[in-house]
C-alpha atoms as a PDB file:
ATOM      1  CA  MET A   1      90.877  65.913 126.291  1.00  0.00           C
ATOM      2  CA  LYS A   2      91.448  63.471 123.433  1.00  0.00           C
ATOM      3  CA  GLU A   3      87.904  64.072 122.164  1.00  0.00           C
ATOM      4  CA  LYS A   4      88.526  67.831 121.964  1.00  0.00           C
ATOM      5  CA  GLU A   5      91.711  67.236 119.983  1.00  0.00           C
ATOM      6  CA  GLU A   6      89.860  64.974 117.530  1.00  0.00           C
ATOM      7  CA  ILE A   7      87.117  67.548 117.077  1.00  0.00           C
ATOM      8  CA  GLY A   8      89.767  70.235 116.535  1.00  0.00           C
ATOM      9  CA  LYS A   9      91.448  68.132 113.825  1.00  0.00           C
ATOM     10  CA  LYS A  10      88.111  67.516 112.077  1.00  0.00           C
ATOM     11  CA  ILE A  11      87.325  71.223 112.138  1.00  0.00           C
ATOM     12  CA  HIS A  12      90.793  72.016 110.760  1.00  0.00           C
ATOM     13  CA  LEU A  13      90.298  69.554 107.881  1.00  0.00           C
ATOM     14  CA  LEU A  14      86.856  70.983 107.099  1.00  0.00           C
ATOM     15  CA  LYS A  15      88.267  74.522 107.117  1.00  0.00           C
ATOM     16  CA  GLU A  16      90.890  73.503 104.549  1.00  0.00           C
ATOM     17  CA  LYS A  17      88.419  71.560 102.411  1.00  0.00           C
ATOM     18  CA  ARG A  18      85.882  74.397 102.283  1.00  0.00           C
ATOM     19  CA  LYS A  19      88.433  77.233 102.232  1.00  0.00           C
ATOM     20  CA  ALA A  20      86.826  78.614 105.370  1.00  0.00           C
ATOM     21  CA  VAL A  21      87.844  81.019 108.095  1.00  0.00           C
ATOM     22  CA  ILE A  22      86.427  80.979 111.626  1.00  0.00           C
ATOM     23  CA  LEU A  23      85.820  84.249 113.458  1.00  0.00           C
ATOM     24  CA  ALA A  24      84.879  84.089 117.159  1.00  0.00           C
ATOM     25  CA  HIS A  25      83.497  86.929 119.241  1.00  0.00           C
ATOM     26  CA  ASN A  26      85.237  87.744 122.536  1.00  0.00           C
ATOM     27  CA  TYR A  27      82.073  86.646 124.355  1.00  0.00           C
ATOM     28  CA  GLN A  28      82.342  83.105 122.975  1.00  0.00           C
ATOM     29  CA  LEU A  29      83.532  80.186 125.109  1.00  0.00           C
ATOM     30  CA  GLY A  30      87.267  79.561 125.286  1.00  0.00           C
ATOM     31  CA  GLU A  31      86.881  76.279 123.375  1.00  0.00           C
ATOM     32  CA  VAL A  32      85.346  78.129 120.460  1.00  0.00           C
ATOM     33  CA  GLN A  33      87.992  80.851 120.538  1.00  0.00           C
ATOM     34  CA  ASP A  34      90.710  78.161 120.570  1.00  0.00           C
ATOM     35  CA  ILE A  35      89.690  76.850 117.126  1.00  0.00           C
ATOM     36  CA  ALA A  36      89.055  80.286 115.627  1.00  0.00           C
ATOM     37  CA  ASP A  37      91.383  81.925 113.148  1.00  0.00           C
ATOM     38  CA  PHE A  38      90.550  85.332 114.610  1.00  0.00           C
ATOM     39  CA  THR A  39      88.909  86.553 117.815  1.00  0.00           C
ATOM     40  CA  GLY A  40      87.744  90.034 118.693  1.00  0.00           C
ATOM     41  CA  ASP A  41      84.761  92.309 119.114  1.00  0.00           C
ATOM     42  CA  SER A  42      82.167  92.855 116.406  1.00  0.00           C
ATOM     43  CA  LEU A  43      84.157  95.598 114.689  1.00  0.00           C
ATOM     44  CA  ASP A  44      87.388  93.573 114.687  1.00  0.00           C
ATOM     45  CA  LEU A  45      85.634  90.558 113.236  1.00  0.00           C
ATOM     46  CA  SER A  46      83.804  92.576 110.590  1.00  0.00           C
ATOM     47  CA  GLN A  47      87.112  94.043 109.476  1.00  0.00           C
ATOM     48  CA  LYS A  48      88.741  90.590 109.363  1.00  0.00           C
ATOM     49  CA  ALA A  49      85.787  89.232 107.390  1.00  0.00           C
ATOM     50  CA  SER A  50      86.078  92.031 104.823  1.00  0.00           C
ATOM     51  CA  GLN A  51      89.806  91.326 104.354  1.00  0.00           C
ATOM     52  CA  THR A  52      89.706  87.548 103.963  1.00  0.00           C
ATOM     53  CA  ASP A  53      89.695  85.701 100.651  1.00  0.00           C
ATOM     54  CA  ALA A  54      88.026  82.659 102.256  1.00  0.00           C
ATOM     55  CA  ARG A  55      85.050  81.178 100.407  1.00  0.00           C
ATOM     56  CA  VAL A  56      83.198  80.495 103.667  1.00  0.00           C
ATOM     57  CA  ILE A  57      83.123  82.687 106.763  1.00  0.00           C
ATOM     58  CA  VAL A  58      81.994  81.024 109.982  1.00  0.00           C
ATOM     59  CA  PHE A  59      81.048  83.744 112.439  1.00  0.00           C
ATOM     60  CA  CYS A  60      80.774  82.534 116.023  1.00  0.00           C
ATOM     61  CA  GLY A  61      78.908  85.455 117.490  1.00  0.00           C
ATOM     62  CA  VAL A  62      76.651  85.714 120.484  1.00  0.00           C
ATOM     63  CA  HIS A  63      72.922  85.043 120.798  1.00  0.00           C
ATOM     64  CA  PHE A  64      71.692  88.580 120.128  1.00  0.00           C
ATOM     65  CA  MET A  65      73.774  88.706 116.923  1.00  0.00           C
ATOM     66  CA  ALA A  66      72.289  85.440 115.686  1.00  0.00           C
ATOM     67  CA  GLU A  67      68.785  86.730 116.331  1.00  0.00           C
ATOM     68  CA  SER A  68      69.594  89.928 114.401  1.00  0.00           C
ATOM     69  CA  ALA A  69      70.922  87.883 111.476  1.00  0.00           C
ATOM     70  CA  LYS A  70      67.787  85.703 111.430  1.00  0.00           C
ATOM     71  CA  ILE A  71      65.453  88.708 111.390  1.00  0.00           C
ATOM     72  CA  LEU A  72      67.587  90.573 108.854  1.00  0.00           C
ATOM     73  CA  GLY A  73      67.754  87.530 106.546  1.00  0.00           C
ATOM     74  CA  ALA A  74      63.963  87.175 106.510  1.00  0.00           C
ATOM     75  CA  THR A  75      63.523  90.877 105.773  1.00  0.00           C
ATOM     76  CA  ILE A  76      66.118  90.918 103.001  1.00  0.00           C
ATOM     77  CA  THR A  77      64.561  87.971 101.162  1.00  0.00           C
ATOM     78  CA  ARG A  78      61.113  89.564 101.403  1.00  0.00           C
ATOM     79  CA  PHE A  79      62.390  92.613  99.526  1.00  0.00           C
ATOM     80  CA  PHE A  80      64.950  90.774  97.361  1.00  0.00           C
ATOM     81  CA  PRO A  81      63.539  87.276  96.715  1.00  0.00           C
ATOM     82  CA  GLU A  82      66.419  86.488  94.344  1.00  0.00           C
ATOM     83  CA  LEU A  83      68.673  86.353  97.438  1.00  0.00           C
ATOM     84  CA  VAL A  84      66.731  83.507  99.079  1.00  0.00           C
ATOM     85  CA  ASP A  85      69.603  81.043  98.482  1.00  0.00           C
ATOM     86  CA  THR A  86      72.319  83.519  99.501  1.00  0.00           C
ATOM     87  CA  PRO A  87      73.482  82.964 103.076  1.00  0.00           C
ATOM     88  CA  LEU A  88      73.717  85.963 105.364  1.00  0.00           C
ATOM     89  CA  THR A  89      77.298  86.192 106.542  1.00  0.00           C
ATOM     90  CA  HIS A  90      77.293  89.486 108.487  1.00  0.00           C
ATOM     91  CA  SER A  91      74.911  91.414 110.668  1.00  0.00           C
ATOM     92  CA  TRP A  92      75.271  94.477 112.786  1.00  0.00           C
ATOM     93  CA  GLY A  93      73.061  95.628 115.605  1.00  0.00           C
ATOM     94  CA  GLY A  94      72.729  98.539 117.924  1.00  0.00           C
ATOM     95  CA  LYS A  95      71.171 101.933 118.256  1.00  0.00           C
ATOM     96  CA  LEU A  96      71.268 104.232 115.294  1.00  0.00           C
ATOM     97  CA  GLY A  97      71.764 107.974 115.424  1.00  0.00           C
ATOM     98  CA  VAL A  98      70.392 109.733 112.369  1.00  0.00           C
ATOM     99  CA  THR A  99      70.856 113.396 111.603  1.00  0.00           C
ATOM    100  CA  PHE A 100      67.963 115.354 110.126  1.00  0.00           C
ATOM    101  CA  ASP A 101      69.794 115.790 106.825  1.00  0.00           C
ATOM    102  CA  LEU A 102      70.892 112.105 106.761  1.00  0.00           C
ATOM    103  CA  VAL A 103      74.494 113.251 106.342  1.00  0.00           C
ATOM    104  CA  PRO A 104      77.376 112.403 108.703  1.00  0.00           C
ATOM    105  CA  HIS A 105      79.001 115.311 110.531  1.00  0.00           C
ATOM    106  CA  ILE A 106      82.294 115.870 112.310  1.00  0.00           C
ATOM    107  CA  GLY A 107      83.275 118.817 114.428  1.00  0.00           C
ATOM    108  CA  ARG A 108      84.442 120.146 117.749  1.00  0.00           C
ATOM    109  CA  ILE A 109      82.572 121.631 120.692  1.00  0.00           C
ATOM    110  CA  ASP A 110      84.485 123.090 123.640  1.00  0.00           C
ATOM    111  CA  GLY A 111      87.642 121.292 122.488  1.00  0.00           C
ATOM    112  CA  ILE A 112      85.949 117.875 122.230  1.00  0.00           C
ATOM    113  CA  TRP A 113      85.899 116.315 118.760  1.00  0.00           C
ATOM    114  CA  TYR A 114      82.959 114.246 117.511  1.00  0.00           C
ATOM    115  CA  ALA A 115      81.855 112.195 114.528  1.00  0.00           C
ATOM    116  CA  LEU A 116      78.157 111.351 114.324  1.00  0.00           C
ATOM    117  CA  GLY A 117      75.165 110.613 112.169  1.00  0.00           C
ATOM    118  CA  TYR A 118      76.228 107.581 110.165  1.00  0.00           C
ATOM    119  CA  GLY A 119      72.507 106.841 109.630  1.00  0.00           C
ATOM    120  CA  GLY A 120      72.605 103.970 107.172  1.00  0.00           C
ATOM    121  CA  HIS A 121      76.167 104.613 106.014  1.00  0.00           C
ATOM    122  CA  GLY A 122      77.544 102.044 108.423  1.00  0.00           C
ATOM    123  CA  VAL A 123      80.829 101.039 109.917  1.00  0.00           C
ATOM    124  CA  ALA A 124      82.948 101.741 106.856  1.00  0.00           C
ATOM    125  CA  LEU A 125      82.117 105.432 106.988  1.00  0.00           C
ATOM    126  CA  SER A 126      82.628 105.612 110.746  1.00  0.00           C
ATOM    127  CA  THR A 127      86.192 104.354 110.296  1.00  0.00           C
ATOM    128  CA  TYR A 128      86.792 106.921 107.567  1.00  0.00           C
ATOM    129  CA  LEU A 129      85.363 109.769 109.652  1.00  0.00           C
ATOM    130  CA  GLY A 130      87.428 108.637 112.643  1.00  0.00           C
ATOM    131  CA  ASP A 131      90.483 108.960 110.427  1.00  0.00           C
ATOM    132  CA  GLN A 132      89.351 112.433 109.355  1.00  0.00           C
ATOM    133  CA  VAL A 133      88.870 113.538 112.978  1.00  0.00           C
ATOM    134  CA  ALA A 134      92.277 112.110 113.933  1.00  0.00           C
ATOM    135  CA  GLY A 135      93.882 114.040 111.070  1.00  0.00           C
ATOM    136  CA  LEU A 136      92.217 117.281 112.154  1.00  0.00           C
ATOM    137  CA  MET A 137      93.238 116.702 115.776  1.00  0.00           C
ATOM    138  CA  ALA A 138      96.847 115.911 114.858  1.00  0.00           C
ATOM    139  CA  GLY A 139      97.087 118.791 112.416  1.00  0.00           C
ATOM    140  CA  THR A 140      97.910 116.511 109.470  1.00  0.00           C
ATOM    141  CA  LEU A 141      94.602 117.425 107.822  1.00  0.00           C
ATOM    142  CA  GLU A 142      93.669 121.062 107.298  1.00  0.00           C
ATOM    143  CA  ARG A 143      89.967 120.598 106.629  1.00  0.00           C
ATOM    144  CA  SER A 144      87.260 118.019 106.014  1.00  0.00           C
ATOM    145  CA  PRO A 145      84.066 118.631 104.076  1.00  0.00           C
ATOM    146  CA  PHE A 146      82.176 116.751 106.809  1.00  0.00           C
ATOM    147  CA  ALA A 147      83.213 119.461 109.292  1.00  0.00           C
ATOM    148  CA  GLU A 148      81.784 122.193 107.082  1.00  0.00           C
ATOM    149  CA  ILE A 149      78.228 120.870 106.736  1.00  0.00           C
ATOM    150  CA  PRO A 150      75.732 122.829 108.846  1.00  0.00           C
ATOM    151  CA  HIS A 151      73.612 120.854 111.349  1.00  0.00           C
ATOM    152  CA  PRO A 152      69.968 121.353 110.413  1.00  0.00           C
ATOM    153  CA  THR A 153      67.207 120.831 112.955  1.00  0.00           C
ATOM    154  CA  ARG A 154      63.415 120.728 112.859  1.00  0.00           C
ATOM    155  CA  PHE A 155      60.852 122.908 114.587  1.00  0.00           C
ATOM    156  CA  TYR A 156      59.526 119.968 116.629  1.00  0.00           C
ATOM    157  CA  TYR A 157      62.921 119.003 118.090  1.00  0.00           C
ATOM    158  CA  ARG A 158      63.805 120.686 121.387  1.00  0.00           C
ATOM    159  CA  GLY A 159      66.700 118.518 122.620  1.00  0.00           C
ATOM    160  CA  ARG A 160      64.629 115.404 123.382  1.00  0.00           C
ATOM    161  CA  ALA A 161      63.722 112.964 120.604  1.00  0.00           C
ATOM    162  CA  TRP A 162      60.125 112.331 121.737  1.00  0.00           C
ATOM    163  CA  PHE A 163      59.137 111.454 118.165  1.00  0.00           C
ATOM    164  CA  LEU A 164      61.400 108.387 117.793  1.00  0.00           C
ATOM    165  CA  PRO A 165      59.046 105.730 119.244  1.00  0.00           C
ATOM    166  CA  PRO A 166      56.128 106.684 116.940  1.00  0.00           C
ATOM    167  CA  ALA A 167      58.506 107.024 113.959  1.00  0.00           C
ATOM    168  CA  SER A 168      59.993 103.581 114.677  1.00  0.00           C
ATOM    169  CA  PHE A 169      56.488 102.105 114.860  1.00  0.00           C
ATOM    170  CA  LEU A 170      55.571 103.740 111.546  1.00  0.00           C
ATOM    171  CA  PHE A 171      58.656 102.459 109.709  1.00  0.00           C
ATOM    172  CA  ARG A 172      58.267  98.933 111.144  1.00  0.00           C
ATOM    173  CA  ALA A 173      54.651  98.938 109.903  1.00  0.00           C
ATOM    174  CA  LEU A 174      55.710 100.196 106.460  1.00  0.00           C
ATOM    175  CA  ASP A 175      58.350  97.459 106.267  1.00  0.00           C
ATOM    176  CA  ARG A 176      55.879  94.807 107.362  1.00  0.00           C
ATOM    177  CA  PHE A 177      53.435  95.793 104.616  1.00  0.00           C
ATOM    178  CA  GLY A 178      56.185  96.144 102.035  1.00  0.00           C
ATOM    179  CA  LEU A 179      55.604  99.851 101.474  1.00  0.00           C
END
């Protein structure tokens, strides 16, 4: 017990010295969460990270997030070599839904509201569109331009995205060759 307290004090002193903040994912061990300034899921922690004025952000994520950050960091420095000495402080993983026009859409089908197609626009836009949908649902917002954009399709799409595996392979190959 005494050893844990000593480690906690050392971490606290280092945080002050380096003007750091520690963010711990909900999946982290209790000991890690105990020393963290903030705990939460990926979205919570990303929001906390964007709001802090700390010089250093220590993100205690989970294994799959660390692997994503490692891969992303290597890819970024291949395309932007000037960032080789810039540490990667955030990463985001998961499946991506992309609309054919690459534009986010909101709307309602059979009384069920949706927001979709963030394709590269990320979390910030999803929060904004969630706010737009909430405003439309509550009646505090009369209209949103994202609700007025038609949903284009393609002749080869019939409700099943059979083309995604070959498209993913193609784009991975293009990235690998720097094209």
